[in-house]
C-alpha cells in the first residue's frame, strides 16, 4: 500500500448560512497547491488539518458535510469569520447582512 503522507490535499467548502456546508472543490498535490495559492491571493482564511482533509476528501463535490463534523466545521467557520473582522452582530438569521 503506498504511503500517502507526502501528498497535499485541499478542500474548499461552501456555506450559505442556512444549510450544512458542502464540498465545493477538492484537489491533490499540484491542484491542491494551486487552490491554496489562489485562496491566499484572495484573502481566504485557510485551516490546516490533514486528518480533517482526509475525511472531507472522501465526500463528493456538492455533498454536505456529515453531521459528525458539524461542530468542528462550525468552529472553523466561526474563527474564519472572526479573522475577517465579522461579529455575530454582522449576521441575521444565520446569514451575513448586506
PDB file of N, CA and C in Angstrom:
ATOM      1  N   UNK A   1       0.855  -1.174   0.000  1.00  0.00           N
ATOM      2  CA  UNK A   1       0.000   0.000   0.000  1.00  0.00           C
ATOM      3  C   UNK A   1       0.903   1.239   0.000  1.00  0.00           C
ATOM      4  N   UNK A   2       0.692   2.165  -0.927  1.00  0.00           N
ATOM      5  CA  UNK A   2       1.542   3.351  -0.994  1.00  0.00           C
ATOM      6  C   UNK A   2       1.331   4.266   0.202  1.00  0.00           C
ATOM      7  N   UNK A   3       2.400   4.954   0.584  1.00  0.00           N
ATOM      8  CA  UNK A   3       2.332   5.926   1.673  1.00  0.00           C
ATOM      9  C   UNK A   3       1.874   7.258   1.105  1.00  0.00           C
ATOM     10  N   UNK A   4       0.702   7.733   1.532  1.00  0.00           N
ATOM     11  CA  UNK A   4       0.132   8.981   1.020  1.00  0.00           C
ATOM     12  C   UNK A   4       0.454  10.177   1.904  1.00  0.00           C
ATOM     13  N   UNK A   5       1.335  10.003   2.896  1.00  0.00           N
ATOM     14  CA  UNK A   5       1.580  11.084   3.845  1.00  0.00           C
ATOM     15  C   UNK A   5       2.266  12.287   3.212  1.00  0.00           C
ATOM     16  N   UNK A   6       2.929  12.099   2.064  1.00  0.00           N
ATOM     17  CA  UNK A   6       3.605  13.209   1.406  1.00  0.00           C
ATOM     18  C   UNK A   6       2.702  13.955   0.437  1.00  0.00           C
ATOM     19  N   UNK A   7       1.469  13.489   0.259  1.00  0.00           N
ATOM     20  CA  UNK A   7       0.551  14.123  -0.674  1.00  0.00           C
ATOM     21  C   UNK A   7      -0.168  15.281   0.004  1.00  0.00           C
ATOM     22  N   UNK A   8      -0.295  16.366  -0.751  1.00  0.00           N
ATOM     23  CA  UNK A   8      -1.036  17.519  -0.244  1.00  0.00           C
ATOM     24  C   UNK A   8      -2.484  17.412  -0.702  1.00  0.00           C
ATOM     25  N   UNK A   9      -3.386  17.883   0.134  1.00  0.00           N
ATOM     26  CA  UNK A   9      -4.804  17.896  -0.207  1.00  0.00           C
ATOM     27  C   UNK A   9      -5.378  19.250   0.180  1.00  0.00           C
ATOM     28  N   UNK A  10      -6.323  19.715  -0.612  1.00  0.00           N
ATOM     29  CA  UNK A  10      -7.050  20.945  -0.299  1.00  0.00           C
ATOM     30  C   UNK A  10      -8.523  20.698  -0.574  1.00  0.00           C
ATOM     31  N   UNK A  11      -9.345  21.162   0.331  1.00  0.00           N
ATOM     32  CA  UNK A  11     -10.792  21.021   0.182  1.00  0.00           C
ATOM     33  C   UNK A  11     -11.411  22.383   0.446  1.00  0.00           C
ATOM     34  N   UNK A  12     -12.275  22.821  -0.452  1.00  0.00           N
ATOM     35  CA  UNK A  12     -12.999  24.082  -0.275  1.00  0.00           C
ATOM     36  C   UNK A  12     -14.438  23.757   0.092  1.00  0.00           C
ATOM     37  N   UNK A  13     -14.955  24.492   1.049  1.00  0.00           N
ATOM     38  CA  UNK A  13     -16.343  24.330   1.468  1.00  0.00           C
ATOM     39  C   UNK A  13     -17.128  25.586   1.139  1.00  0.00           C
ATOM     40  N   UNK A  14     -18.396  25.393   0.830  1.00  0.00           N
ATOM     41  CA  UNK A  14     -19.322  26.498   0.613  1.00  0.00           C
ATOM     42  C   UNK A  14     -20.374  26.432   1.710  1.00  0.00           C
ATOM     43  N   UNK A  15     -20.667  27.590   2.294  1.00  0.00           N
ATOM     44  CA  UNK A  15     -21.663  27.651   3.357  1.00  0.00           C
ATOM     45  C   UNK A  15     -22.583  28.829   3.100  1.00  0.00           C
ATOM     46  N   UNK A  16     -23.891  28.545   2.990  1.00  0.00           N
ATOM     47  CA  UNK A  16     -24.857  29.600   2.679  1.00  0.00           C
ATOM     48  C   UNK A  16     -25.550  30.163   3.914  1.00  0.00           C
ATOM     49  N   UNK A  17     -25.216  29.647   5.087  1.00  0.00           N
ATOM     50  CA  UNK A  17     -25.814  30.140   6.318  1.00  0.00           C
ATOM     51  C   UNK A  17     -27.117  29.464   6.679  1.00  0.00           C
ATOM     52  N   UNK A  18     -27.693  28.706   5.769  1.00  0.00           N
ATOM     53  CA  UNK A  18     -28.972  28.063   6.039  1.00  0.00           C
ATOM     54  C   UNK A  18     -28.863  26.541   6.056  1.00  0.00           C
ATOM     55  N   UNK A  19     -27.992  26.002   5.229  1.00  0.00           N
ATOM     56  CA  UNK A  19     -27.837  24.553   5.108  1.00  0.00           C
ATOM     57  C   UNK A  19     -26.442  24.146   5.562  1.00  0.00           C
ATOM     58  N   UNK A  20     -26.235  22.855   5.664  1.00  0.00           N
ATOM     59  CA  UNK A  20     -24.905  22.361   6.037  1.00  0.00           C
ATOM     60  C   UNK A  20     -23.892  22.760   4.968  1.00  0.00           C
ATOM     61  N   UNK A  21     -22.663  23.042   5.370  1.00  0.00           N
ATOM     62  CA  UNK A  21     -21.621  23.339   4.380  1.00  0.00           C
ATOM     63  C   UNK A  21     -21.454  22.173   3.407  1.00  0.00           C
ATOM     64  N   UNK A  22     -21.118  22.500   2.179  1.00  0.00           N
ATOM     65  CA  UNK A  22     -20.916  21.475   1.157  1.00  0.00           C
ATOM     66  C   UNK A  22     -19.517  21.592   0.573  1.00  0.00           C
ATOM     67  N   UNK A  23     -19.043  20.489   0.014  1.00  0.00           N
ATOM     68  CA  UNK A  23     -17.745  20.464  -0.648  1.00  0.00           C
ATOM     69  C   UNK A  23     -17.896  21.142  -2.002  1.00  0.00           C
ATOM     70  N   UNK A  24     -17.134  22.204  -2.224  1.00  0.00           N
ATOM     71  CA  UNK A  24     -17.232  22.927  -3.496  1.00  0.00           C
ATOM     72  C   UNK A  24     -16.026  22.701  -4.393  1.00  0.00           C
ATOM     73  N   UNK A  25     -14.921  22.198  -3.846  1.00  0.00           N
ATOM     74  CA  UNK A  25     -13.740  21.886  -4.663  1.00  0.00           C
ATOM     75  C   UNK A  25     -12.807  21.002  -3.852  1.00  0.00           C
ATOM     76  N   UNK A  26     -12.116  20.120  -4.542  1.00  0.00           N
ATOM     77  CA  UNK A  26     -11.082  19.305  -3.910  1.00  0.00           C
ATOM     78  C   UNK A  26      -9.891  19.229  -4.845  1.00  0.00           C
ATOM     79  N   UNK A  27      -8.735  19.064  -4.272  1.00  0.00           N
ATOM     80  CA  UNK A  27      -7.538  18.928  -5.089  1.00  0.00           C
ATOM     81  C   UNK A  27      -6.456  18.174  -4.356  1.00  0.00           C
ATOM     82  N   UNK A  28      -5.630  17.501  -5.116  1.00  0.00           N
ATOM     83  CA  UNK A  28      -4.484  16.774  -4.582  1.00  0.00           C
ATOM     84  C   UNK A  28      -3.218  17.316  -5.217  1.00  0.00           C
ATOM     85  N   UNK A  29      -2.138  17.303  -4.462  1.00  0.00           N
ATOM     86  CA  UNK A  29      -0.807  17.659  -4.942  1.00  0.00           C
ATOM     87  C   UNK A  29      -0.781  19.009  -5.655  1.00  0.00           C
ATOM     88  N   UNK A  30      -0.496  19.030  -6.960  1.00  0.00           N
ATOM     89  CA  UNK A  30      -0.343  20.305  -7.682  1.00  0.00           C
ATOM     90  C   UNK A  30      -1.636  21.123  -7.662  1.00  0.00           C
ATOM     91  N   UNK A  31      -2.780  20.469  -7.866  1.00  0.00           N
ATOM     92  CA  UNK A  31      -4.055  21.191  -7.822  1.00  0.00           C
ATOM     93  C   UNK A  31      -4.296  21.747  -6.416  1.00  0.00           C
ATOM     94  N   UNK A  32      -3.947  20.990  -5.390  1.00  0.00           N
ATOM     95  CA  UNK A  32      -4.095  21.476  -4.014  1.00  0.00           C
ATOM     96  C   UNK A  32      -3.236  22.714  -3.793  1.00  0.00           C
ATOM     97  N   UNK A  33      -2.005  22.677  -4.263  1.00  0.00           N
ATOM     98  CA  UNK A  33      -1.126  23.839  -4.106  1.00  0.00           C
ATOM     99  C   UNK A  33      -1.688  25.052  -4.844  1.00  0.00           C
ATOM    100  N   UNK A  34      -2.274  24.835  -6.018  1.00  0.00           N
ATOM    101  CA  UNK A  34      -2.875  25.938  -6.780  1.00  0.00           C
ATOM    102  C   UNK A  34      -4.099  26.496  -6.048  1.00  0.00           C
ATOM    103  N   UNK A  35      -4.931  25.614  -5.489  1.00  0.00           N
ATOM    104  CA  UNK A  35      -6.092  26.066  -4.726  1.00  0.00           C
ATOM    105  C   UNK A  35      -5.651  26.922  -3.540  1.00  0.00           C
ATOM    106  N   UNK A  36      -4.607  26.494  -2.855  1.00  0.00           N
ATOM    107  CA  UNK A  36      -4.095  27.232  -1.702  1.00  0.00           C
ATOM    108  C   UNK A  36      -3.542  28.581  -2.142  1.00  0.00           C
ATOM    109  N   UNK A  37      -2.810  28.598  -3.241  1.00  0.00           N
ATOM    110  CA  UNK A  37      -2.241  29.849  -3.751  1.00  0.00           C
ATOM    111  C   UNK A  37      -3.348  30.849  -4.073  1.00  0.00           C
ATOM    112  N   UNK A  38      -4.379  30.397  -4.788  1.00  0.00           N
ATOM    113  CA  UNK A  38      -5.486  31.277  -5.173  1.00  0.00           C
ATOM    114  C   UNK A  38      -6.230  31.769  -3.926  1.00  0.00           C
ATOM    115  N   UNK A  39      -6.440  30.888  -2.970  1.00  0.00           N
ATOM    116  CA  UNK A  39      -7.109  31.289  -1.730  1.00  0.00           C
ATOM    117  C   UNK A  39      -6.304  32.365  -1.007  1.00  0.00           C
ATOM    118  N   UNK A  40      -4.998  32.161  -0.915  1.00  0.00           N
ATOM    119  CA  UNK A  40      -4.146  33.149  -0.248  1.00  0.00           C
ATOM    120  C   UNK A  40      -4.174  34.488  -0.971  1.00  0.00           C
ATOM    121  N   UNK A  41      -4.122  34.455  -2.298  1.00  0.00           N
ATOM    122  CA  UNK A  41      -4.155  35.695  -3.080  1.00  0.00           C
ATOM    123  C   UNK A  41      -5.453  36.463  -2.883  1.00  0.00           C
ATOM    124  N   UNK A  42      -6.527  35.735  -2.560  1.00  0.00           N
ATOM    125  CA  UNK A  42      -7.839  36.360  -2.413  1.00  0.00           C
ATOM    126  C   UNK A  42      -8.251  36.553  -0.958  1.00  0.00           C
ATOM    127  N   UNK A  43      -7.319  36.383  -0.048  1.00  0.00           N
ATOM    128  CA  UNK A  43      -7.604  36.630   1.360  1.00  0.00           C
ATOM    129  C   UNK A  43      -8.539  35.634   2.011  1.00  0.00           C
ATOM    130  N   UNK A  44      -8.640  34.447   1.451  1.00  0.00           N
ATOM    131  CA  UNK A  44      -9.495  33.414   2.028  1.00  0.00           C
ATOM    132  C   UNK A  44      -8.741  32.770   3.195  1.00  0.00           C
ATOM    133  N   UNK A  45      -9.340  32.761   4.389  1.00  0.00           N
ATOM    134  CA  UNK A  45      -8.667  32.120   5.515  1.00  0.00           C
ATOM    135  C   UNK A  45      -8.480  30.626   5.253  1.00  0.00           C
ATOM    136  N   UNK A  46      -7.320  30.112   5.635  1.00  0.00           N
ATOM    137  CA  UNK A  46      -7.004  28.702   5.449  1.00  0.00           C
ATOM    138  C   UNK A  46      -6.893  28.022   6.803  1.00  0.00           C
ATOM    139  N   UNK A  47      -7.251  26.753   6.830  1.00  0.00           N
ATOM    140  CA  UNK A  47      -7.143  25.949   8.040  1.00  0.00           C
ATOM    141  C   UNK A  47      -6.465  24.649   7.655  1.00  0.00           C
ATOM    142  N   UNK A  48      -5.410  24.285   8.352  1.00  0.00           N
ATOM    143  CA  UNK A  48      -4.655  23.087   8.007  1.00  0.00           C
ATOM    144  C   UNK A  48      -4.882  21.991   9.040  1.00  0.00           C
ATOM    145  N   UNK A  49      -5.433  20.873   8.568  1.00  0.00           N
ATOM    146  CA  UNK A  49      -5.646  19.698   9.409  1.00  0.00           C
ATOM    147  C   UNK A  49      -5.685  18.488   8.481  1.00  0.00           C
ATOM    148  N   UNK A  50      -4.571  17.765   8.348  1.00  0.00           N
ATOM    149  CA  UNK A  50      -4.518  16.633   7.420  1.00  0.00           C
ATOM    150  C   UNK A  50      -5.582  15.571   7.681  1.00  0.00           C
ATOM    151  N   UNK A  51      -5.903  15.310   8.949  1.00  0.00           N
ATOM    152  CA  UNK A  51      -6.918  14.301   9.251  1.00  0.00           C
ATOM    153  C   UNK A  51      -8.300  14.749   8.783  1.00  0.00           C
ATOM    154  N   UNK A  52      -8.632  16.006   9.029  1.00  0.00           N
ATOM    155  CA  UNK A  52      -9.915  16.537   8.568  1.00  0.00           C
ATOM    156  C   UNK A  52      -9.960  16.560   7.045  1.00  0.00           C
ATOM    157  N   UNK A  53      -8.860  16.945   6.419  1.00  0.00           N
ATOM    158  CA  UNK A  53      -8.797  16.956   4.952  1.00  0.00           C
ATOM    159  C   UNK A  53      -9.021  15.557   4.393  1.00  0.00           C
ATOM    160  N   UNK A  54      -8.452  14.549   5.041  1.00  0.00           N
ATOM    161  CA  UNK A  54      -8.640  13.171   4.580  1.00  0.00           C
ATOM    162  C   UNK A  54     -10.112  12.770   4.661  1.00  0.00           C
ATOM    163  N   UNK A  55     -10.786  13.165   5.740  1.00  0.00           N
ATOM    164  CA  UNK A  55     -12.216  12.855   5.872  1.00  0.00           C
ATOM    165  C   UNK A  55     -13.043  13.578   4.814  1.00  0.00           C
ATOM    166  N   UNK A  56     -12.784  14.875   4.645  1.00  0.00           N
ATOM    167  CA  UNK A  56     -13.565  15.665   3.688  1.00  0.00           C
ATOM    168  C   UNK A  56     -13.292  15.259   2.247  1.00  0.00           C
ATOM    169  N   UNK A  57     -12.092  14.776   1.967  1.00  0.00           N
ATOM    170  CA  UNK A  57     -11.761  14.399   0.588  1.00  0.00           C
ATOM    171  C   UNK A  57     -12.511  13.155   0.138  1.00  0.00           C
ATOM    172  N   UNK A  58     -13.123  12.443   1.060  1.00  0.00           N
ATOM    173  CA  UNK A  58     -13.937  11.270   0.708  1.00  0.00           C
ATOM    174  C   UNK A  58     -15.324  11.662   0.203  1.00  0.00           C
ATOM    175  N   UNK A  59     -15.704  12.921   0.425  1.00  0.00           N
ATOM    176  CA  UNK A  59     -17.024  13.388   0.005  1.00  0.00           C
ATOM    177  C   UNK A  59     -17.005  13.791  -1.465  1.00  0.00           C
ATOM    178  N   UNK A  60     -18.150  13.696  -2.102  1.00  0.00           N
ATOM    179  CA  UNK A  60     -18.296  14.120  -3.493  1.00  0.00           C
ATOM    180  C   UNK A  60     -18.513  15.625  -3.562  1.00  0.00           C
ATOM    181  N   UNK A  61     -18.199  16.210  -4.714  1.00  0.00           N
ATOM    182  CA  UNK A  61     -18.484  17.630  -4.925  1.00  0.00           C
ATOM    183  C   UNK A  61     -19.971  17.872  -4.728  1.00  0.00           C
ATOM    184  N   UNK A  62     -20.305  18.920  -4.004  1.00  0.00           N
ATOM    185  CA  UNK A  62     -21.703  19.250  -3.745  1.00  0.00           C
ATOM    186  C   UNK A  62     -22.302  18.511  -2.566  1.00  0.00           C
ATOM    187  N   UNK A  63     -21.578  17.554  -2.026  1.00  0.00           N
ATOM    188  CA  UNK A  63     -22.092  16.777  -0.896  1.00  0.00           C
ATOM    189  C   UNK A  63     -21.944  17.572   0.400  1.00  0.00           C
ATOM    190  N   UNK A  64     -22.974  17.506   1.222  1.00  0.00           N
ATOM    191  CA  UNK A  64     -22.946  18.183   2.521  1.00  0.00           C
ATOM    192  C   UNK A  64     -22.030  17.432   3.476  1.00  0.00           C
ATOM    193  N   UNK A  65     -21.406  18.186   4.369  1.00  0.00           N
ATOM    194  CA  UNK A  65     -20.566  17.529   5.367  1.00  0.00           C
ATOM    195  C   UNK A  65     -21.458  16.676   6.268  1.00  0.00           C
ATOM    196  N   UNK A  66     -20.948  15.574   6.794  1.00  0.00           N
ATOM    197  CA  UNK A  66     -21.757  14.742   7.688  1.00  0.00           C
ATOM    198  C   UNK A  66     -21.966  15.420   9.041  1.00  0.00           C
ATOM    199  N   UNK A  67     -23.048  15.053   9.699  1.00  0.00           N
ATOM    200  CA  UNK A  67     -23.380  15.655  10.993  1.00  0.00           C
ATOM    201  C   UNK A  67     -22.259  15.499  12.007  1.00  0.00           C
ATOM    202  N   UNK A  68     -21.490  14.428  11.900  1.00  0.00           N
ATOM    203  CA  UNK A  68     -20.399  14.207  12.854  1.00  0.00           C
ATOM    204  C   UNK A  68     -19.331  15.294  12.772  1.00  0.00           C
ATOM    205  N   UNK A  69     -19.298  16.047  11.667  1.00  0.00           N
ATOM    206  CA  UNK A  69     -18.305  17.111  11.504  1.00  0.00           C
ATOM    207  C   UNK A  69     -18.885  18.510  11.715  1.00  0.00           C
ATOM    208  N   UNK A  70     -20.181  18.608  12.020  1.00  0.00           N
ATOM    209  CA  UNK A  70     -20.808  19.923  12.175  1.00  0.00           C
ATOM    210  C   UNK A  70     -20.063  20.804  13.177  1.00  0.00           C
ATOM    211  N   UNK A  71     -19.773  20.267  14.343  1.00  0.00           N
ATOM    212  CA  UNK A  71     -19.169  21.101  15.395  1.00  0.00           C
ATOM    213  C   UNK A  71     -17.794  21.618  14.977  1.00  0.00           C
ATOM    214  N   UNK A  72     -16.934  20.729  14.490  1.00  0.00           N
ATOM    215  CA  UNK A  72     -15.583  21.162  14.124  1.00  0.00           C
ATOM    216  C   UNK A  72     -15.623  22.166  12.977  1.00  0.00           C
ATOM    217  N   UNK A  73     -16.483  21.939  11.992  1.00  0.00           N
ATOM    218  CA  UNK A  73     -16.580  22.871  10.863  1.00  0.00           C
ATOM    219  C   UNK A  73     -17.176  24.199  11.338  1.00  0.00           C
ATOM    220  N   UNK A  74     -18.159  24.146  12.235  1.00  0.00           N
ATOM    221  CA  UNK A  74     -18.744  25.386  12.773  1.00  0.00           C
ATOM    222  C   UNK A  74     -17.686  26.207  13.505  1.00  0.00           C
ATOM    223  N   UNK A  75     -16.825  25.540  14.268  1.00  0.00           N
ATOM    224  CA  UNK A  75     -15.766  26.253  14.981  1.00  0.00           C
ATOM    225  C   UNK A  75     -14.772  26.878  14.006  1.00  0.00           C
ATOM    226  N   UNK A  76     -14.440  26.157  12.950  1.00  0.00           N
ATOM    227  CA  UNK A  76     -13.517  26.684  11.936  1.00  0.00           C
ATOM    228  C   UNK A  76     -14.143  27.882  11.227  1.00  0.00           C
ATOM    229  N   UNK A  77     -15.423  27.763  10.842  1.00  0.00           N
ATOM    230  CA  UNK A  77     -16.104  28.874  10.172  1.00  0.00           C
ATOM    231  C   UNK A  77     -16.199  30.091  11.087  1.00  0.00           C
ATOM    232  N   UNK A  78     -16.546  29.866  12.349  1.00  0.00           N
ATOM    233  CA  UNK A  78     -16.649  30.987  13.290  1.00  0.00           C
ATOM    234  C   UNK A  78     -15.307  31.693  13.426  1.00  0.00           C
ATOM    235  N   UNK A  79     -14.240  30.932  13.508  1.00  0.00           N
ATOM    236  CA  UNK A  79     -12.915  31.541  13.636  1.00  0.00           C
ATOM    237  C   UNK A  79     -12.533  32.285  12.364  1.00  0.00           C
ATOM    238  N   UNK A  80     -12.889  31.730  11.209  1.00  0.00           N
ATOM    239  CA  UNK A  80     -12.560  32.419   9.949  1.00  0.00           C
ATOM    240  C   UNK A  80     -13.335  33.729   9.833  1.00  0.00           C
ATOM    241  N   UNK A  81     -14.593  33.745  10.288  1.00  0.00           N
ATOM    242  CA  UNK A  81     -15.363  34.991  10.287  1.00  0.00           C
ATOM    243  C   UNK A  81     -14.704  36.007  11.218  1.00  0.00           C
ATOM    244  N   UNK A  82     -14.277  35.543  12.384  1.00  0.00           N
ATOM    245  CA  UNK A  82     -13.588  36.415  13.345  1.00  0.00           C
ATOM    246  C   UNK A  82     -12.326  37.013  12.719  1.00  0.00           C
ATOM    247  N   UNK A  83     -11.536  36.183  12.032  1.00  0.00           N
ATOM    248  CA  UNK A  83     -10.310  36.663  11.388  1.00  0.00           C
ATOM    249  C   UNK A  83     -10.597  37.724  10.328  1.00  0.00           C
ATOM    250  N   UNK A  84     -11.791  37.628   9.723  1.00  0.00           N
ATOM    251  CA  UNK A  84     -12.178  38.590   8.697  1.00  0.00           C
ATOM    252  C   UNK A  84     -12.844  39.827   9.298  1.00  0.00           C
ATOM    253  N   UNK A  85     -12.942  39.877  10.622  1.00  0.00           N
ATOM    254  CA  UNK A  85     -13.489  41.044  11.293  1.00  0.00           C
ATOM    255  C   UNK A  85     -14.989  41.027  11.487  1.00  0.00           C
ATOM    256  N   UNK A  86     -15.633  39.891  11.253  1.00  0.00           N
ATOM    257  CA  UNK A  86     -17.077  39.801  11.438  1.00  0.00           C
ATOM    258  C   UNK A  86     -17.404  39.395  12.868  1.00  0.00           C
ATOM    259  N   UNK A  87     -18.508  39.918  13.375  1.00  0.00           N
ATOM    260  CA  UNK A  87     -19.004  39.572  14.698  1.00  0.00           C
ATOM    261  C   UNK A  87     -20.419  39.032  14.541  1.00  0.00           C
ATOM    262  N   UNK A  88     -20.979  38.426  15.592  1.00  0.00           N
ATOM    263  CA  UNK A  88     -22.354  37.930  15.488  1.00  0.00           C
ATOM    264  C   UNK A  88     -23.350  39.010  15.068  1.00  0.00           C
ATOM    265  N   UNK A  89     -23.067  40.269  15.409  1.00  0.00           N
ATOM    266  CA  UNK A  89     -23.964  41.361  15.036  1.00  0.00           C
ATOM    267  C   UNK A  89     -23.996  41.592  13.520  1.00  0.00           C
ATOM    268  N   UNK A  90     -23.001  41.073  12.810  1.00  0.00           N
ATOM    269  CA  UNK A  90     -22.943  41.227  11.355  1.00  0.00           C
ATOM    270  C   UNK A  90     -23.842  40.235  10.628  1.00  0.00           C
ATOM    271  N   UNK A  91     -24.531  39.374  11.386  1.00  0.00           N
ATOM    272  CA  UNK A  91     -25.345  38.323  10.791  1.00  0.00           C
ATOM    273  C   UNK A  91     -26.787  38.440  11.251  1.00  0.00           C
ATOM    274  N   UNK A  92     -27.684  38.000  10.382  1.00  0.00           N
ATOM    275  CA  UNK A  92     -29.103  37.978  10.705  1.00  0.00           C
ATOM    276  C   UNK A  92     -29.674  36.694  10.133  1.00  0.00           C
ATOM    277  N   UNK A  93     -30.381  35.933  10.952  1.00  0.00           N
ATOM    278  CA  UNK A  93     -30.958  34.662  10.525  1.00  0.00           C
ATOM    279  C   UNK A  93     -29.900  33.741   9.921  1.00  0.00           C
ATOM    280  N   UNK A  94     -28.702  33.741  10.497  1.00  0.00           N
ATOM    281  CA  UNK A  94     -27.648  32.863  10.023  1.00  0.00           C
ATOM    282  C   UNK A  94     -26.929  33.326   8.774  1.00  0.00           C
ATOM    283  N   UNK A  95     -27.339  34.472   8.228  1.00  0.00           N
ATOM    284  CA  UNK A  95     -26.711  34.985   7.002  1.00  0.00           C
ATOM    285  C   UNK A  95     -26.065  36.330   7.282  1.00  0.00           C
ATOM    286  N   UNK A  96     -24.978  36.569   6.556  1.00  0.00           N
ATOM    287  CA  UNK A  96     -24.271  37.842   6.717  1.00  0.00           C
ATOM    288  C   UNK A  96     -25.127  38.971   6.168  1.00  0.00           C
ATOM    289  N   UNK A  97     -25.253  40.060   6.928  1.00  0.00           N
ATOM    290  CA  UNK A  97     -26.030  41.225   6.486  1.00  0.00           C
ATOM    291  C   UNK A  97     -25.308  41.935   5.354  1.00  0.00           C
ATOM    292  N   UNK A  98     -26.098  42.569   4.501  1.00  0.00           N
ATOM    293  CA  UNK A  98     -25.548  43.430   3.453  1.00  0.00           C
ATOM    294  C   UNK A  98     -25.003  42.683   2.338  1.00  0.00           C
TER     295      UNK A  98
END
